Amino acid sequence: AKLAVAGRLSEYDHHFIKSFAHRSSVYFLFYRRDLKSQSREYKTYISRICLDDMSYYSYVEVPLVCRTDSKNYNLLQAVQVGVPGVQLGAMRREPPAEVLVGVF
């Protein structure tokens, strides 16, 4: 889904990948053009807002980065929330919890 902004701010469009509720918050994963950087490249963000916050005071967003030594992957393609399988779960010491897995 895309939130289109008209006029001179049209480069501030948000491309939403996923949204989900967890406990008392709603999370959004999206990418948009970074208008503050010289390169104006797209960056991926996760944002959160409390379900009972009607004034949006609890809204916060954080950039998500996936990189190697030589390359940055900025565009999130897909994301899933779930309990890890047996092999990944065996690496953890505490009981299985939900994890967020993203593909860039």
N, C-alpha and C. Protein backbone atom coordinates (compact mmCIF):
# COMPACT_ATOMS: atom_id res chain seq x y z
N ALA A 1 0.84 -1.17 0.00
CA ALA A 1 0.00 0.00 0.00
C ALA A 1 0.88 1.23 0.00
N LYS A 2 0.36 2.30 -0.52
CA LYS A 2 1.13 3.53 -0.63
C LYS A 2 0.30 4.70 -0.13
N LEU A 3 0.91 5.56 0.67
CA LEU A 3 0.29 6.80 1.09
C LEU A 3 0.86 7.88 0.18
N ALA A 4 0.05 8.38 -0.73
CA ALA A 4 0.51 9.37 -1.69
C ALA A 4 0.26 10.78 -1.16
N VAL A 5 1.27 11.61 -1.30
CA VAL A 5 1.19 13.00 -0.89
C VAL A 5 1.26 13.84 -2.16
N ALA A 6 0.32 14.76 -2.34
CA ALA A 6 0.27 15.56 -3.56
C ALA A 6 1.09 16.84 -3.42
N GLY A 7 1.42 17.42 -4.55
CA GLY A 7 2.08 18.71 -4.57
C GLY A 7 3.57 18.63 -4.34
N ARG A 8 4.11 19.69 -3.75
CA ARG A 8 5.57 19.80 -3.60
C ARG A 8 6.15 18.80 -2.62
N LEU A 9 5.33 18.17 -1.80
CA LEU A 9 5.83 17.17 -0.85
C LEU A 9 5.62 15.74 -1.36
N SER A 10 5.39 15.58 -2.66
CA SER A 10 5.08 14.26 -3.19
C SER A 10 6.22 13.26 -3.02
N GLU A 11 7.45 13.72 -2.81
CA GLU A 11 8.55 12.80 -2.57
C GLU A 11 8.53 12.24 -1.16
N TYR A 12 7.59 12.67 -0.35
CA TYR A 12 7.45 12.18 1.02
C TYR A 12 6.47 11.01 1.09
N ASP A 13 6.19 10.39 -0.05
CA ASP A 13 5.29 9.23 -0.09
C ASP A 13 5.83 8.10 0.78
N HIS A 14 4.94 7.42 1.46
CA HIS A 14 5.29 6.24 2.26
C HIS A 14 4.82 4.99 1.52
N HIS A 15 5.68 3.99 1.43
CA HIS A 15 5.34 2.71 0.82
C HIS A 15 5.26 1.70 1.96
N PHE A 16 4.05 1.33 2.34
CA PHE A 16 3.85 0.45 3.49
C PHE A 16 4.03 -1.01 3.09
N ILE A 17 4.79 -1.73 3.91
CA ILE A 17 5.05 -3.15 3.68
C ILE A 17 4.14 -4.00 4.56
N LYS A 18 4.00 -3.60 5.84
CA LYS A 18 3.22 -4.41 6.77
C LYS A 18 2.84 -3.56 7.97
N SER A 19 1.72 -3.90 8.57
CA SER A 19 1.33 -3.34 9.86
C SER A 19 0.78 -4.48 10.69
N PHE A 20 0.95 -4.37 12.00
CA PHE A 20 0.44 -5.41 12.89
C PHE A 20 0.31 -4.86 14.30
N ALA A 21 -0.58 -5.45 15.07
CA ALA A 21 -0.75 -5.09 16.48
C ALA A 21 -0.05 -6.14 17.33
N HIS A 22 0.61 -5.67 18.37
CA HIS A 22 1.28 -6.56 19.32
C HIS A 22 1.16 -5.94 20.70
N ARG A 23 0.53 -6.68 21.59
CA ARG A 23 0.24 -6.19 22.94
C ARG A 23 -0.55 -4.89 22.84
N SER A 24 -0.04 -3.79 23.37
CA SER A 24 -0.81 -2.55 23.40
C SER A 24 -0.36 -1.53 22.36
N SER A 25 0.33 -1.99 21.31
CA SER A 25 0.85 -1.08 20.28
C SER A 25 0.51 -1.57 18.88
N VAL A 26 0.57 -0.65 17.93
CA VAL A 26 0.48 -0.98 16.51
C VAL A 26 1.81 -0.60 15.88
N TYR A 27 2.32 -1.49 15.02
CA TYR A 27 3.59 -1.28 14.35
C TYR A 27 3.37 -1.15 12.85
N PHE A 28 4.16 -0.28 12.21
CA PHE A 28 4.12 -0.10 10.76
C PHE A 28 5.54 -0.24 10.23
N LEU A 29 5.68 -0.99 9.14
CA LEU A 29 6.97 -1.09 8.46
C LEU A 29 6.79 -0.50 7.07
N PHE A 30 7.66 0.44 6.71
CA PHE A 30 7.50 1.17 5.45
C PHE A 30 8.84 1.72 5.00
N TYR A 31 8.89 2.15 3.75
CA TYR A 31 10.06 2.88 3.29
C TYR A 31 9.62 4.18 2.62
N ARG A 32 10.53 5.16 2.64
CA ARG A 32 10.29 6.45 2.01
C ARG A 32 11.63 7.07 1.64
N ARG A 33 11.58 8.05 0.80
CA ARG A 33 12.79 8.75 0.38
C ARG A 33 13.31 9.61 1.54
N ASP A 34 14.61 9.57 1.76
CA ASP A 34 15.24 10.38 2.80
C ASP A 34 15.53 11.76 2.23
N LEU A 35 14.65 12.70 2.47
CA LEU A 35 14.78 14.03 1.88
C LEU A 35 15.87 14.86 2.54
N LYS A 36 16.36 14.44 3.69
CA LYS A 36 17.40 15.20 4.39
C LYS A 36 18.81 14.83 3.95
N SER A 37 18.95 13.69 3.28
CA SER A 37 20.29 13.27 2.85
C SER A 37 20.57 13.80 1.44
N GLN A 38 21.84 13.94 1.14
CA GLN A 38 22.25 14.42 -0.18
C GLN A 38 21.86 13.44 -1.27
N SER A 39 21.91 12.15 -0.99
CA SER A 39 21.60 11.13 -1.99
C SER A 39 20.10 10.96 -2.22
N ARG A 40 19.28 11.37 -1.26
CA ARG A 40 17.82 11.25 -1.33
C ARG A 40 17.39 9.80 -1.59
N GLU A 41 18.16 8.85 -1.05
CA GLU A 41 17.85 7.44 -1.26
C GLU A 41 16.67 7.02 -0.38
N TYR A 42 16.08 5.90 -0.72
CA TYR A 42 14.99 5.34 0.07
C TYR A 42 15.57 4.65 1.30
N LYS A 43 14.85 4.75 2.42
CA LYS A 43 15.22 4.08 3.66
C LYS A 43 13.99 3.42 4.25
N THR A 44 14.22 2.33 4.96
CA THR A 44 13.15 1.57 5.60
C THR A 44 13.05 1.96 7.06
N TYR A 45 11.82 2.02 7.57
CA TYR A 45 11.57 2.40 8.96
C TYR A 45 10.56 1.45 9.60
N ILE A 46 10.64 1.34 10.91
CA ILE A 46 9.59 0.72 11.70
C ILE A 46 9.08 1.81 12.64
N SER A 47 7.77 1.91 12.75
CA SER A 47 7.20 2.88 13.67
C SER A 47 6.22 2.19 14.60
N ARG A 48 5.98 2.83 15.74
CA ARG A 48 5.09 2.26 16.75
C ARG A 48 4.24 3.37 17.34
N ILE A 49 3.01 3.03 17.64
CA ILE A 49 2.13 3.94 18.37
C ILE A 49 1.25 3.11 19.30
N CYS A 50 1.00 3.62 20.48
CA CYS A 50 0.14 2.92 21.45
C CYS A 50 -1.31 2.94 20.96
N LEU A 51 -2.00 1.84 21.16
CA LEU A 51 -3.38 1.72 20.70
C LEU A 51 -4.31 2.75 21.31
N ASP A 52 -4.06 3.13 22.55
CA ASP A 52 -4.97 4.06 23.22
C ASP A 52 -4.52 5.52 23.13
N ASP A 53 -3.55 5.83 22.28
CA ASP A 53 -3.02 7.18 22.14
C ASP A 53 -3.76 7.92 21.02
N MET A 54 -4.78 8.66 21.36
CA MET A 54 -5.57 9.38 20.37
C MET A 54 -4.89 10.67 19.89
N SER A 55 -3.83 11.10 20.55
CA SER A 55 -3.14 12.34 20.17
C SER A 55 -1.80 12.09 19.48
N TYR A 56 -1.42 10.84 19.31
CA TYR A 56 -0.16 10.45 18.63
C TYR A 56 1.10 10.86 19.39
N TYR A 57 1.00 11.10 20.69
CA TYR A 57 2.19 11.46 21.47
C TYR A 57 3.18 10.31 21.59
N SER A 58 2.71 9.09 21.51
CA SER A 58 3.60 7.94 21.67
C SER A 58 4.25 7.49 20.36
N TYR A 59 3.96 8.17 19.26
CA TYR A 59 4.50 7.77 17.96
C TYR A 59 6.02 7.90 17.95
N VAL A 60 6.68 6.85 17.48
CA VAL A 60 8.13 6.86 17.32
C VAL A 60 8.47 6.02 16.09
N GLU A 61 9.51 6.44 15.37
CA GLU A 61 9.97 5.65 14.23
C GLU A 61 11.48 5.55 14.27
N VAL A 62 11.97 4.39 13.79
CA VAL A 62 13.39 4.09 13.83
C VAL A 62 13.77 3.51 12.47
N PRO A 63 14.89 3.96 11.89
CA PRO A 63 15.31 3.37 10.61
C PRO A 63 15.82 1.95 10.81
N LEU A 64 15.56 1.09 9.83
CA LEU A 64 16.08 -0.27 9.82
C LEU A 64 17.14 -0.35 8.74
N VAL A 65 18.29 -0.93 9.07
CA VAL A 65 19.40 -1.00 8.13
C VAL A 65 19.86 -2.44 8.00
N CYS A 66 20.08 -2.87 6.78
CA CYS A 66 20.69 -4.17 6.50
C CYS A 66 21.89 -3.89 5.61
N ARG A 67 23.10 -4.24 6.08
CA ARG A 67 24.29 -3.93 5.29
C ARG A 67 25.35 -4.99 5.45
N THR A 68 26.19 -5.08 4.42
CA THR A 68 27.39 -5.89 4.46
C THR A 68 28.57 -4.92 4.44
N ASP A 69 29.77 -5.43 4.35
CA ASP A 69 30.94 -4.56 4.28
C ASP A 69 30.92 -3.66 3.05
N SER A 70 30.29 -4.13 1.97
CA SER A 70 30.38 -3.40 0.71
C SER A 70 29.04 -2.88 0.18
N LYS A 71 27.92 -3.25 0.80
CA LYS A 71 26.63 -2.88 0.21
C LYS A 71 25.58 -2.62 1.29
N ASN A 72 24.73 -1.61 1.04
CA ASN A 72 23.57 -1.33 1.89
C ASN A 72 22.33 -1.82 1.17
N TYR A 73 21.46 -2.46 1.92
CA TYR A 73 20.16 -2.89 1.40
C TYR A 73 19.11 -2.08 2.15
N ASN A 74 18.51 -1.11 1.47
CA ASN A 74 17.64 -0.15 2.15
C ASN A 74 16.16 -0.44 2.02
N LEU A 75 15.76 -1.25 1.06
CA LEU A 75 14.33 -1.43 0.80
C LEU A 75 13.83 -2.77 1.34
N LEU A 76 13.02 -2.70 2.36
CA LEU A 76 12.38 -3.90 2.90
C LEU A 76 11.39 -4.43 1.87
N GLN A 77 11.45 -5.71 1.57
CA GLN A 77 10.57 -6.32 0.57
C GLN A 77 9.41 -7.07 1.21
N ALA A 78 9.67 -7.73 2.33
CA ALA A 78 8.64 -8.51 3.01
C ALA A 78 9.03 -8.65 4.47
N VAL A 79 8.03 -8.90 5.30
CA VAL A 79 8.28 -9.07 6.72
C VAL A 79 7.21 -9.99 7.30
N GLN A 80 7.59 -10.74 8.31
CA GLN A 80 6.66 -11.66 8.96
C GLN A 80 6.95 -11.69 10.45
N VAL A 81 5.91 -11.78 11.24
CA VAL A 81 6.04 -11.93 12.69
C VAL A 81 5.59 -13.34 13.02
N GLY A 82 6.39 -14.05 13.83
CA GLY A 82 6.00 -15.39 14.21
C GLY A 82 6.98 -16.00 15.19
N VAL A 83 6.67 -17.21 15.61
CA VAL A 83 7.53 -17.95 16.53
C VAL A 83 8.56 -18.70 15.68
N PRO A 84 9.85 -18.63 16.03
CA PRO A 84 10.87 -19.30 15.23
C PRO A 84 10.70 -20.81 15.23
N GLY A 85 11.17 -21.43 14.17
CA GLY A 85 11.12 -22.88 14.04
C GLY A 85 12.08 -23.57 15.00
N VAL A 86 12.14 -24.87 14.93
CA VAL A 86 12.93 -25.69 15.86
C VAL A 86 14.41 -25.32 15.82
N GLN A 87 14.99 -25.20 14.62
CA GLN A 87 16.43 -24.94 14.52
C GLN A 87 16.78 -23.56 15.08
N LEU A 88 16.06 -22.54 14.69
CA LEU A 88 16.34 -21.20 15.20
C LEU A 88 15.99 -21.10 16.68
N GLY A 89 14.90 -21.73 17.08
CA GLY A 89 14.48 -21.71 18.48
C GLY A 89 15.47 -22.41 19.40
N ALA A 90 16.20 -23.41 18.88
CA ALA A 90 17.17 -24.14 19.69
C ALA A 90 18.37 -23.27 20.06
N MET A 91 18.60 -22.20 19.33
CA MET A 91 19.73 -21.31 19.62
C MET A 91 19.43 -20.39 20.79
N ARG A 92 18.19 -20.30 21.18
CA ARG A 92 17.78 -19.41 22.27
C ARG A 92 17.67 -20.19 23.58
N ARG A 93 17.94 -19.54 24.67
CA ARG A 93 17.86 -20.21 25.97
C ARG A 93 16.50 -20.06 26.61
N GLU A 94 15.84 -18.94 26.40
CA GLU A 94 14.53 -18.73 27.00
C GLU A 94 13.46 -19.36 26.12
N PRO A 95 12.23 -19.43 26.62
CA PRO A 95 11.15 -20.04 25.83
C PRO A 95 10.93 -19.28 24.53
N PRO A 96 10.43 -19.96 23.50
CA PRO A 96 10.21 -19.30 22.21
C PRO A 96 9.33 -18.07 22.34
N ALA A 97 9.74 -17.02 21.69
CA ALA A 97 8.97 -15.78 21.65
C ALA A 97 8.80 -15.39 20.19
N GLU A 98 7.87 -14.50 19.95
CA GLU A 98 7.69 -14.04 18.57
C GLU A 98 8.89 -13.22 18.14
N VAL A 99 9.24 -13.36 16.87
CA VAL A 99 10.34 -12.59 16.29
C VAL A 99 9.84 -11.91 15.02
N LEU A 100 10.52 -10.86 14.64
CA LEU A 100 10.24 -10.13 13.41
C LEU A 100 11.35 -10.47 12.43
N VAL A 101 10.99 -11.01 11.26
CA VAL A 101 11.96 -11.39 10.24
C VAL A 101 11.66 -10.57 8.99
N GLY A 102 12.67 -9.88 8.49
CA GLY A 102 12.50 -9.06 7.30
C GLY A 102 13.41 -9.49 6.18
N VAL A 103 12.95 -9.29 4.94
CA VAL A 103 13.75 -9.59 3.75
C VAL A 103 14.01 -8.27 3.04
N PHE A 104 15.29 -7.96 2.86
CA PHE A 104 15.68 -6.73 2.17
C PHE A 104 16.12 -7.06 0.77
